[in-house]
Amino acid sequence: MKRHYYIIVDSETTRRQTVADFGAVVVGRDGRIVEQFGALVFGHFGKFDLFADPALPDSAFWSEQSAQRRMKNYHAMIDSGERSISSPALIQQWLWGVNQRYQPTLTAYNLVFDFGKCQNTRINLGIFSQSFCLMKAAKKVIGIRADYQQFCYDQDLLTKKKRKPQMTADAMAKFIIGDDLADEPHTALEDARDYERAILAHLLKSLTRQQILELGQ
């Protein structure tokens, strides 16, 4: 029987709506990683400011103050060897190789967002023959469950305005893995590998590939 693979892509962006930090993992149905890639994008990281919302208070994750802390963290990752800097062309070369080796189905937690930001950066995710949005599928399968919604109320994982259960990758992963899971770091490789991969593996325990493709449209 032919094995089916999935590639989970994540990106952290600049104020120019391009990708500063690109990450991806290739996994089987069981969630086992067969390849992974994480890099800061040459010509975008360090050239354009990281995304931030000037209207947010300094304590908010996406505030301008937080963007400065995030930049320091990225430089620490470079110094430690956790990240390298790669051109969009080199990232594309890796994606082409993965597609040739595994013919994976593409997914991301909010695929439209990552697809568009990659396109702005000359990283073409359209090379994969099949794709679906992991967030859409997770909302339809996990988000409607009473135990998930109760978990969010118990852990105060609620939207700020309407106080409804969050549908973020962070909340979903904590429900699946455990509430002691650290907050999602919003670095591309780590988000894809340590949070979104768990959500995909959980869904694939009860769904066929065709079912998840349909749910993620």
Protein backbone atom coordinates (compact mmCIF):
# COMPACT_ATOMS: atom_id res chain seq x y z
CA MET A 1 0.00 0.00 0.00
CA LYS A 2 1.29 3.43 -0.93
CA ARG A 3 2.02 5.67 2.05
CA HIS A 4 0.51 9.12 2.06
CA TYR A 5 2.48 12.08 3.34
CA TYR A 6 1.57 15.58 4.39
CA ILE A 7 3.61 18.77 4.46
CA ILE A 8 2.64 21.31 7.13
CA VAL A 9 3.85 24.82 6.36
CA ASP A 10 3.98 27.79 8.71
CA SER A 11 5.24 31.34 8.27
CA GLU A 12 5.94 34.40 10.38
CA THR A 13 5.66 37.62 8.47
CA THR A 14 6.92 41.15 7.98
CA ARG A 15 4.99 44.41 7.82
CA ARG A 16 5.39 44.17 4.04
CA GLN A 17 3.23 41.03 4.09
CA THR A 18 6.16 38.80 3.17
CA VAL A 19 7.70 35.85 4.99
CA ALA A 20 10.46 36.49 7.52
CA ASP A 21 10.52 32.98 9.01
CA PHE A 22 9.58 29.86 7.03
CA GLY A 23 9.06 26.42 8.53
CA ALA A 24 7.74 23.09 7.32
CA VAL A 25 7.55 19.45 8.36
CA VAL A 26 6.80 16.41 6.21
CA VAL A 27 4.94 13.70 8.11
CA GLY A 28 3.19 10.39 7.59
CA ARG A 29 -0.36 9.61 8.74
CA ASP A 30 0.95 8.77 12.20
CA GLY A 31 2.56 12.19 12.56
CA ARG A 32 6.11 10.86 12.34
CA ILE A 33 8.45 13.45 10.85
CA VAL A 34 10.42 12.36 7.80
CA GLU A 35 11.86 15.78 6.92
CA GLN A 36 11.80 19.27 8.36
CA PHE A 37 13.06 22.69 7.33
CA GLY A 38 13.27 26.02 9.08
CA ALA A 39 14.97 29.20 7.88
CA LEU A 40 14.85 32.95 8.07
CA VAL A 41 14.28 34.40 4.62
CA PHE A 42 17.09 36.36 3.00
CA GLY A 43 15.97 39.72 1.65
CA HIS A 44 13.02 39.88 4.05
CA PHE A 45 14.19 38.99 7.56
CA GLY A 46 16.18 41.94 8.89
CA LYS A 47 15.31 44.09 5.90
CA PHE A 48 11.64 44.63 6.75
CA ASP A 49 10.23 45.00 10.25
CA LEU A 50 8.48 41.99 11.75
CA PHE A 51 4.72 42.18 11.71
CA ALA A 52 3.26 44.19 14.60
CA ASP A 53 0.04 46.03 15.37
CA PRO A 54 0.80 49.55 16.68
CA ALA A 55 -2.66 49.74 18.23
CA LEU A 56 -1.93 46.94 20.69
CA PRO A 57 -0.55 47.50 24.22
CA ASP A 58 3.09 46.60 24.91
CA SER A 59 2.03 43.45 26.78
CA ALA A 60 0.25 41.98 23.73
CA PHE A 61 2.13 39.38 21.70
CA TRP A 62 1.76 41.22 18.39
CA SER A 63 2.65 44.66 19.80
CA GLU A 64 5.55 46.74 18.50
CA GLN A 65 7.39 46.15 21.77
CA SER A 66 6.96 42.40 21.34
CA ALA A 67 8.31 42.61 17.78
CA GLN A 68 11.60 43.91 19.20
CA ARG A 69 11.76 40.98 21.62
CA ARG A 70 10.95 38.55 18.82
CA MET A 71 13.76 39.96 16.70
CA LYS A 72 16.22 39.48 19.57
CA ASN A 73 15.00 35.90 19.91
CA TYR A 74 15.59 35.24 16.21
CA HIS A 75 19.14 36.58 16.45
CA ALA A 76 19.71 34.27 19.43
CA MET A 77 18.45 31.36 17.30
CA ILE A 78 20.94 32.28 14.58
CA ASP A 79 23.77 32.45 17.10
CA SER A 80 22.85 29.05 18.55
CA GLY A 81 22.50 27.39 15.14
CA GLU A 82 18.75 26.83 15.50
CA ARG A 83 18.16 28.95 12.41
CA SER A 84 20.02 29.70 9.22
CA ILE A 85 19.22 32.29 6.58
CA SER A 86 18.06 30.98 3.20
CA SER A 87 17.00 32.65 -0.01
CA PRO A 88 13.47 32.11 -1.36
CA ALA A 89 15.08 30.17 -4.22
CA LEU A 90 16.75 27.74 -1.80
CA ILE A 91 13.50 27.25 0.11
CA GLN A 92 11.75 26.58 -3.20
CA GLN A 93 14.43 24.05 -4.14
CA TRP A 94 13.76 22.16 -0.89
CA LEU A 95 10.02 22.21 -1.57
CA TRP A 96 10.54 20.85 -5.09
CA GLY A 97 12.69 18.04 -3.68
CA VAL A 98 10.09 17.15 -1.06
CA ASN A 99 7.39 17.09 -3.71
CA GLN A 100 9.43 14.73 -5.85
CA ARG A 101 10.28 12.42 -2.95
CA TYR A 102 6.91 12.20 -1.19
CA GLN A 103 4.16 13.84 -3.30
CA PRO A 104 2.74 15.18 -0.02
CA THR A 105 -0.60 16.84 0.53
CA LEU A 106 -0.09 20.47 1.53
CA THR A 107 -1.68 21.93 4.64
CA ALA A 108 -1.29 24.86 7.02
CA TYR A 109 -3.22 26.27 9.95
CA ASN A 110 -4.92 28.97 7.88
CA LEU A 111 -3.70 27.90 4.47
CA VAL A 112 -4.92 31.01 2.63
CA PHE A 113 -2.76 33.20 4.88
CA ASP A 114 0.45 31.19 4.48
CA PHE A 115 -0.11 30.57 0.77
CA GLY A 116 -0.50 34.28 0.10
CA LYS A 117 2.43 35.42 2.21
CA CYS A 118 4.68 32.81 0.57
CA GLN A 119 3.50 33.97 -2.85
CA ASN A 120 4.47 37.54 -1.89
CA THR A 121 7.95 36.19 -1.09
CA ARG A 122 8.32 34.20 -4.32
CA ILE A 123 7.85 30.90 -2.54
CA ASN A 124 5.38 28.86 -4.60
CA LEU A 125 3.23 26.45 -2.59
CA GLY A 126 1.11 25.77 -5.66
CA ILE A 127 3.46 22.98 -6.74
CA PHE A 128 1.59 20.47 -4.57
CA SER A 129 -1.26 18.67 -6.31
CA GLN A 130 -3.54 18.49 -3.23
CA SER A 131 -4.07 20.84 -0.33
CA PHE A 132 -6.46 21.64 2.49
CA CYS A 133 -6.71 24.07 5.38
CA LEU A 134 -5.91 22.39 8.69
CA MET A 135 -7.72 25.12 10.63
CA LYS A 136 -10.97 24.59 8.71
CA ALA A 137 -10.84 20.83 9.26
CA ALA A 138 -9.98 21.19 12.95
CA LYS A 139 -12.82 23.64 13.55
CA LYS A 140 -15.33 21.25 11.97
CA VAL A 141 -14.12 18.15 13.83
CA ILE A 142 -12.57 19.30 17.13
CA GLY A 143 -14.04 22.76 17.55
CA ILE A 144 -17.64 21.52 17.74
CA ARG A 145 -16.94 18.95 20.46
CA ALA A 146 -18.45 19.63 23.87
CA ASP A 147 -15.31 18.43 25.67
CA TYR A 148 -13.14 20.79 23.62
CA GLN A 149 -15.40 23.74 24.35
CA GLN A 150 -15.46 22.88 28.07
CA PHE A 151 -11.66 22.59 28.04
CA CYS A 152 -11.40 26.11 26.61
CA TYR A 153 -13.73 27.49 29.30
CA ASP A 154 -11.81 25.68 32.03
CA GLN A 155 -8.44 26.95 30.77
CA ASP A 156 -9.72 30.43 29.89
CA LEU A 157 -8.81 29.88 26.23
CA LEU A 158 -11.52 32.26 25.09
CA THR A 159 -11.84 35.02 22.52
CA LYS A 160 -11.46 38.48 24.03
CA LYS A 161 -14.65 40.08 22.74
CA LYS A 162 -17.27 37.35 22.70
CA ARG A 163 -15.66 35.01 25.27
CA LYS A 164 -16.14 31.99 23.06
CA PRO A 165 -13.73 29.02 22.76
CA GLN A 166 -10.61 29.87 20.79
CA MET A 167 -10.00 27.97 17.56
CA THR A 168 -6.28 28.68 17.47
CA ALA A 169 -3.59 26.07 16.89
CA ASP A 170 -2.35 26.81 20.41
CA ALA A 171 -5.71 25.96 22.02
CA MET A 172 -6.26 22.89 19.84
CA ALA A 173 -2.79 21.51 20.57
CA LYS A 174 -3.18 22.04 24.32
CA PHE A 175 -6.45 20.12 24.20
CA ILE A 176 -4.76 17.22 22.39
CA ILE A 177 -1.37 17.15 24.13
CA GLY A 178 -2.21 18.58 27.55
CA ASP A 179 -2.76 21.95 29.14
CA ASP A 180 0.81 22.03 30.42
CA LEU A 181 2.02 22.54 26.86
CA ALA A 182 3.87 25.86 26.60
CA ASP A 183 2.23 28.70 24.70
CA GLU A 184 2.81 28.54 20.96
CA PRO A 185 6.07 30.46 20.32
CA HIS A 186 5.00 31.84 16.92
CA THR A 187 8.22 30.75 15.27
CA ALA A 188 7.51 28.93 12.03
CA LEU A 189 9.22 25.54 12.37
CA GLU A 190 8.28 25.10 16.01
CA ASP A 191 4.63 25.99 15.39
CA ALA A 192 4.37 23.49 12.53
CA ARG A 193 6.32 20.74 14.28
CA ASP A 194 5.14 20.98 17.88
CA TYR A 195 1.56 22.22 17.56
CA GLU A 196 0.03 21.84 14.10
CA ARG A 197 1.52 18.37 13.59
CA ALA A 198 -0.30 17.13 16.72
CA ILE A 199 -3.59 18.50 15.39
CA LEU A 200 -3.13 16.81 12.02
CA ALA A 201 -2.18 13.46 13.58
CA HIS A 202 -5.23 13.64 15.87
CA LEU A 203 -7.57 14.27 12.94
CA LEU A 204 -6.06 11.48 10.87
CA LYS A 205 -6.81 8.95 13.60
CA SER A 206 -10.47 9.09 12.58
CA LEU A 207 -10.48 10.58 9.08
CA THR A 208 -9.45 9.28 5.69
CA ARG A 209 -7.32 11.42 3.43
CA GLN A 210 -10.33 12.19 1.26
CA GLN A 211 -12.43 13.19 4.26
CA ILE A 212 -9.82 15.60 5.58
CA LEU A 213 -9.36 17.08 2.11
CA GLU A 214 -13.10 17.77 1.90
CA LEU A 215 -13.33 19.19 5.43
CA GLY A 216 -10.41 21.52 4.79
CA GLN A 217 -11.90 23.28 1.77
